[in-house]
Amino acid sequence: MDGHLPRLLDESGYGEPGFAASYDRFRPRPPQALLELLPSLLETDLKLVVDLGSGTGLSTRVWAASADEVIGIEPNDAMRGFAEAAPTPENVRYLNASSYETGMWDASADLVTAAQSLQWMDPQRVFPEVGRILRRGGVFCAYNYVGFQTPLWEPEAAFEAAWERKNELRRERGLERSDARTQPSRELLAASGVFRHTRQLALHSVEEGDGERLIGFALSEGSMRTLLAAGTTEEEVGLDRLREVAATITGPIPWWIVYEVWVGLK
């Protein structure tokens, strides 16, 4: 790796003690609809899945029952270490590599995924690597969660208020990333020249969450953790209000989690 990726990892807060466990516990899981959809889009058999920016393995180990082999690519030692220590099917493993130089064989992967991670990557470097390791007829899929809804109104309102305030404070205090993120889009995939067809989709999943998860979810974002570590108080960012709302949630309730999905066929 060059100096660019280690710098981003240092800025992310993902390597801080305890962060990986919180991330793995509170973050959303890949939607079941996606696990059903993507294999049907392949023009190959699903033998190998490669998950770029695999983190704690949330988006990696879910493919164990569908593919012969699943490989997570994760350069962050703390996140990858958590993934390797977690209960893991025998056909799942993790590599200390970057999404720009995965170390995979040419035309070896049937499905390449990037869950909540493509915006961390340089398109001019990651798409040539995706194109190199994908088989003809293989599929690339990037997906991000973009919102959630519960049967209540207050959790989302307090969560959104804290997020807007967090972003405002990060801008004011010069804590934004040292480079601009390129947001995923269908146009981004099409411009890469790697794919014959591209699509942009919307999916949702349903999970359960309680007050503890609401707070844990907020604190499982590196941008929130690094803002607090820089001296911002919970009151300044609105986490005190979020904790008040969380205290009124007495048990698990449904969370409808919305995803944006970008798919390309090589």
Protein backbone atom coordinates (compact mmCIF):
# COMPACT_ATOMS: atom_id res chain seq x y z
CA MET A 1 0.00 0.00 0.00
CA ASP A 2 1.11 3.57 -0.62
CA GLY A 3 0.73 6.27 2.04
CA HIS A 4 -2.78 7.24 0.92
CA LEU A 5 -4.74 4.29 2.32
CA PRO A 6 -2.97 4.08 5.69
CA ARG A 7 -3.67 7.79 6.18
CA LEU A 8 -7.38 7.27 5.51
CA LEU A 9 -7.46 4.34 7.91
CA ASP A 10 -5.82 6.45 10.62
CA GLU A 11 -8.41 9.18 10.11
CA SER A 12 -11.35 6.76 10.17
CA GLY A 13 -11.25 5.85 13.85
CA TYR A 14 -11.88 2.21 12.87
CA GLY A 15 -8.68 1.07 14.53
CA GLU A 16 -9.53 2.47 17.97
CA PRO A 17 -9.84 -0.05 20.84
CA GLY A 18 -13.31 -1.57 21.02
CA PHE A 19 -14.53 -0.01 17.77
CA ALA A 20 -14.57 -3.24 15.75
CA ALA A 21 -16.71 -5.04 18.34
CA SER A 22 -19.21 -2.17 18.44
CA TYR A 23 -19.30 -2.03 14.65
CA ASP A 24 -19.96 -5.73 14.31
CA ARG A 25 -22.65 -5.73 16.98
CA PHE A 26 -24.69 -2.70 15.97
CA ARG A 27 -24.28 -2.16 12.22
CA PRO A 28 -26.95 -3.46 9.80
CA ARG A 29 -26.48 -6.81 8.11
CA PRO A 30 -26.60 -7.22 4.31
CA PRO A 31 -30.22 -7.44 3.16
CA GLN A 32 -31.51 -10.94 2.44
CA ALA A 33 -32.99 -9.69 -0.84
CA LEU A 34 -29.47 -8.87 -2.06
CA LEU A 35 -28.23 -12.37 -1.20
CA GLU A 36 -31.05 -13.75 -3.32
CA LEU A 37 -30.71 -11.27 -6.19
CA LEU A 38 -27.01 -11.23 -6.98
CA PRO A 39 -26.50 -14.96 -7.71
CA SER A 40 -29.38 -14.77 -10.20
CA LEU A 41 -27.61 -11.98 -12.12
CA LEU A 42 -24.44 -13.97 -12.73
CA GLU A 43 -23.60 -15.56 -16.05
CA THR A 44 -21.22 -17.85 -14.17
CA ASP A 45 -21.53 -20.30 -11.29
CA LEU A 46 -21.01 -18.72 -7.88
CA LYS A 47 -17.71 -20.26 -6.87
CA LEU A 48 -15.74 -17.31 -5.45
CA VAL A 49 -16.97 -14.14 -3.74
CA VAL A 50 -14.47 -11.35 -3.01
CA ASP A 51 -15.62 -8.70 -0.53
CA LEU A 52 -13.67 -5.42 -0.76
CA GLY A 53 -13.31 -3.48 2.51
CA SER A 54 -14.69 -6.43 4.42
CA GLY A 55 -14.28 -4.87 7.87
CA THR A 56 -15.36 -7.22 10.66
CA GLY A 57 -16.73 -9.74 8.17
CA LEU A 58 -20.40 -8.72 8.40
CA SER A 59 -20.63 -8.50 4.62
CA THR A 60 -18.32 -11.45 4.00
CA ARG A 61 -19.44 -14.45 6.02
CA VAL A 62 -23.06 -14.12 4.82
CA TRP A 63 -21.95 -15.61 1.48
CA ALA A 64 -20.56 -18.81 2.99
CA ALA A 65 -23.68 -20.85 2.23
CA SER A 66 -23.91 -19.59 -1.36
CA ALA A 67 -20.34 -19.85 -2.69
CA ASP A 68 -17.56 -22.41 -2.66
CA GLU A 69 -15.09 -19.81 -1.31
CA VAL A 70 -15.41 -16.33 0.16
CA ILE A 71 -12.48 -13.94 0.62
CA GLY A 72 -12.59 -10.64 2.49
CA ILE A 73 -10.06 -7.95 1.57
CA GLU A 74 -9.35 -5.70 4.57
CA PRO A 75 -6.19 -3.62 5.26
CA ASN A 76 -7.29 -2.38 8.70
CA ASP A 77 -5.61 -4.68 11.23
CA ALA A 78 -8.15 -4.14 14.01
CA MET A 79 -11.19 -4.81 11.82
CA ARG A 80 -9.61 -7.78 10.07
CA GLY A 81 -8.41 -9.20 13.37
CA PHE A 82 -11.94 -9.11 14.74
CA ALA A 83 -13.22 -10.87 11.61
CA GLU A 84 -10.61 -13.59 11.88
CA ALA A 85 -11.39 -14.16 15.57
CA ALA A 86 -15.16 -14.39 15.04
CA PRO A 87 -16.87 -17.76 14.44
CA THR A 88 -16.26 -18.26 10.74
CA PRO A 89 -17.28 -20.95 8.23
CA GLU A 90 -14.37 -22.96 6.86
CA ASN A 91 -14.77 -21.55 3.34
CA VAL A 92 -14.33 -17.93 4.48
CA ARG A 93 -10.95 -16.23 4.91
CA TYR A 94 -9.50 -12.74 5.04
CA LEU A 95 -6.49 -11.13 3.37
CA ASN A 96 -4.43 -8.17 4.52
CA ALA A 97 -4.54 -6.32 1.22
CA SER A 98 -6.02 -3.23 -0.40
CA SER A 99 -8.86 -3.11 -2.90
CA TYR A 100 -6.35 -1.73 -5.40
CA GLU A 101 -4.02 -4.74 -5.15
CA THR A 102 -6.03 -7.70 -3.87
CA GLY A 103 -3.49 -10.35 -4.77
CA MET A 104 -6.22 -12.42 -6.43
CA TRP A 105 -5.69 -14.31 -9.70
CA ASP A 106 -6.90 -12.79 -12.96
CA ALA A 107 -10.53 -13.70 -13.80
CA SER A 108 -10.92 -15.67 -10.58
CA ALA A 109 -14.00 -14.07 -8.93
CA ASP A 110 -17.63 -14.55 -9.84
CA LEU A 111 -18.95 -11.87 -7.50
CA VAL A 112 -17.12 -8.83 -6.07
CA THR A 113 -18.88 -6.79 -3.40
CA ALA A 114 -18.21 -3.51 -1.61
CA ALA A 115 -20.51 -3.01 1.38
CA GLN A 116 -20.50 0.53 2.77
CA SER A 117 -16.96 0.88 1.44
CA LEU A 118 -16.81 2.04 -2.19
CA GLN A 119 -16.85 5.71 -1.14
CA TRP A 120 -13.52 5.10 0.62
CA MET A 121 -11.90 3.99 -2.63
CA ASP A 122 -10.36 5.78 -5.59
CA PRO A 123 -12.46 4.79 -8.63
CA GLN A 124 -9.50 5.11 -10.98
CA ARG A 125 -7.65 2.48 -8.95
CA VAL A 126 -10.34 0.13 -7.70
CA PHE A 127 -12.30 -0.48 -10.92
CA PRO A 128 -9.30 -1.72 -12.93
CA GLU A 129 -8.66 -4.22 -10.13
CA VAL A 130 -12.32 -5.26 -10.07
CA GLY A 131 -12.19 -5.73 -13.83
CA ARG A 132 -9.00 -7.77 -13.55
CA ILE A 133 -10.26 -10.26 -10.95
CA LEU A 134 -13.84 -10.67 -12.23
CA ARG A 135 -14.64 -13.43 -14.67
CA ARG A 136 -16.54 -12.62 -17.86
CA GLY A 137 -20.19 -12.81 -16.78
CA GLY A 138 -19.32 -11.98 -13.18
CA VAL A 139 -20.99 -9.24 -11.16
CA PHE A 140 -19.77 -6.32 -9.07
CA CYS A 141 -22.09 -4.90 -6.41
CA ALA A 142 -21.63 -1.90 -4.12
CA TYR A 143 -24.30 -1.18 -1.54
CA ASN A 144 -24.84 1.31 1.29
CA TYR A 145 -27.57 1.71 3.87
CA VAL A 146 -29.08 5.18 3.59
CA GLY A 147 -31.78 5.31 6.25
CA PHE A 148 -34.04 3.41 8.59
CA GLN A 149 -37.60 3.58 9.85
CA THR A 150 -39.19 2.18 13.00
CA PRO A 151 -42.85 2.21 14.08
CA LEU A 152 -41.89 5.28 16.12
CA TRP A 153 -41.05 8.79 14.90
CA GLU A 154 -38.71 10.05 17.61
CA PRO A 155 -35.74 7.68 17.09
CA GLU A 156 -35.21 8.70 13.48
CA ALA A 157 -35.72 12.38 14.21
CA ALA A 158 -33.18 12.38 17.05
CA PHE A 159 -30.75 10.26 15.04
CA GLU A 160 -30.97 12.55 11.99
CA ALA A 161 -30.57 15.66 14.13
CA ALA A 162 -27.42 14.25 15.73
CA TRP A 163 -26.06 13.30 12.30
CA GLU A 164 -26.65 16.72 10.81
CA ARG A 165 -25.04 18.37 13.82
CA LYS A 166 -22.10 15.96 13.64
CA ASN A 167 -21.45 16.85 10.01
CA GLU A 168 -21.70 20.56 10.78
CA LEU A 169 -19.25 20.32 13.68
CA ARG A 170 -16.78 18.26 11.65
CA ARG A 171 -16.74 20.93 8.96
CA GLU A 172 -16.36 23.74 11.50
CA ARG A 173 -13.48 21.99 13.28
CA GLY A 174 -11.55 20.86 10.23
CA LEU A 175 -12.13 17.16 10.82
CA GLU A 176 -13.28 16.23 7.34
CA ARG A 177 -11.30 13.57 5.50
CA SER A 178 -8.13 14.75 3.81
CA ASP A 179 -9.58 13.88 0.40
CA ALA A 180 -13.07 14.17 -1.07
CA ARG A 181 -15.17 11.02 -1.22
CA THR A 182 -16.53 9.87 -4.54
CA GLN A 183 -20.08 8.76 -3.90
CA PRO A 184 -21.26 5.56 -5.57
CA SER A 185 -23.52 5.96 -8.59
CA ARG A 186 -24.57 4.09 -11.70
CA GLU A 187 -22.69 6.70 -13.73
CA LEU A 188 -19.52 5.94 -11.78
CA LEU A 189 -19.75 2.24 -12.64
CA ALA A 190 -20.58 2.96 -16.28
CA ALA A 191 -17.67 5.40 -16.65
CA SER A 192 -15.20 2.75 -15.48
CA GLY A 193 -15.49 0.90 -18.78
CA VAL A 194 -15.45 -2.43 -16.93
CA PHE A 195 -19.12 -3.38 -17.20
CA ARG A 196 -21.44 -4.30 -20.08
CA HIS A 197 -24.53 -3.43 -18.07
CA THR A 198 -25.11 -1.37 -14.92
CA ARG A 199 -28.10 -0.87 -12.65
CA GLN A 200 -29.02 1.21 -9.61
CA LEU A 201 -31.54 -0.37 -7.24
CA ALA A 202 -33.22 0.21 -3.90
CA LEU A 203 -33.75 -2.62 -1.40
CA HIS A 204 -34.69 -2.92 2.23
CA SER A 205 -34.22 -5.35 5.07
CA VAL A 206 -36.01 -5.75 8.38
CA GLU A 207 -34.05 -6.18 11.60
CA GLU A 208 -34.83 -5.59 15.26
CA GLY A 209 -33.38 -2.83 17.39
CA ASP A 210 -33.83 -1.43 20.88
CA GLY A 211 -32.57 1.66 22.66
CA GLU A 212 -29.14 0.16 23.20
CA ARG A 213 -28.78 -0.52 19.49
CA LEU A 214 -29.89 3.02 18.63
CA ILE A 215 -27.01 4.46 20.66
CA GLY A 216 -24.61 1.74 19.55
CA PHE A 217 -25.48 2.38 15.91
CA ALA A 218 -24.70 6.09 16.30
CA LEU A 219 -21.37 5.34 17.98
CA SER A 220 -20.42 2.67 15.43
CA GLU A 221 -19.73 5.40 12.86
CA GLY A 222 -16.09 6.46 12.76
CA SER A 223 -17.00 10.05 11.97
CA MET A 224 -18.95 10.29 15.21
CA ARG A 225 -16.28 8.57 17.30
CA THR A 226 -13.45 10.72 15.98
CA LEU A 227 -15.48 13.90 16.56
CA LEU A 228 -16.02 12.94 20.21
CA ALA A 229 -12.37 11.93 20.56
CA ALA A 230 -11.39 15.42 19.36
CA GLY A 231 -13.12 16.96 22.38
CA THR A 232 -16.70 17.52 21.21
CA THR A 233 -19.24 16.75 23.94
CA GLU A 234 -22.28 14.54 23.51
CA GLU A 235 -24.45 17.54 24.33
CA GLU A 236 -22.92 19.57 21.50
CA VAL A 237 -23.69 16.89 18.95
CA GLY A 238 -27.12 15.96 20.27
CA LEU A 239 -26.34 12.52 21.62
CA ASP A 240 -27.88 13.49 24.95
CA ARG A 241 -31.25 13.88 23.19
CA LEU A 242 -30.71 10.59 21.38
CA ARG A 243 -30.07 8.87 24.72
CA GLU A 244 -33.31 10.31 26.09
CA VAL A 245 -35.23 8.87 23.17
CA ALA A 246 -33.42 5.54 23.44
CA ALA A 247 -34.44 5.25 27.09
CA THR A 248 -38.12 5.28 26.08
CA ILE A 249 -37.71 2.22 23.82
CA THR A 250 -38.48 -0.59 26.24
CA GLY A 251 -37.85 -3.56 23.96
CA PRO A 252 -36.89 -4.65 20.43
CA ILE A 253 -38.89 -3.05 17.64
CA PRO A 254 -38.67 -3.54 13.85
CA TRP A 255 -36.15 -1.48 11.92
CA TRP A 256 -36.81 -1.16 8.18
CA ILE A 257 -33.36 -0.42 6.76
CA VAL A 258 -33.12 1.12 3.29
CA TYR A 259 -30.23 0.38 0.95
CA GLU A 260 -29.01 1.86 -2.31
CA VAL A 261 -27.40 -0.75 -4.55
CA TRP A 262 -25.20 -0.38 -7.65
CA VAL A 263 -24.61 -3.42 -9.84
CA GLY A 264 -22.40 -4.04 -12.85
CA LEU A 265 -22.10 -7.10 -15.13
CA LYS A 266 -18.69 -7.68 -16.67
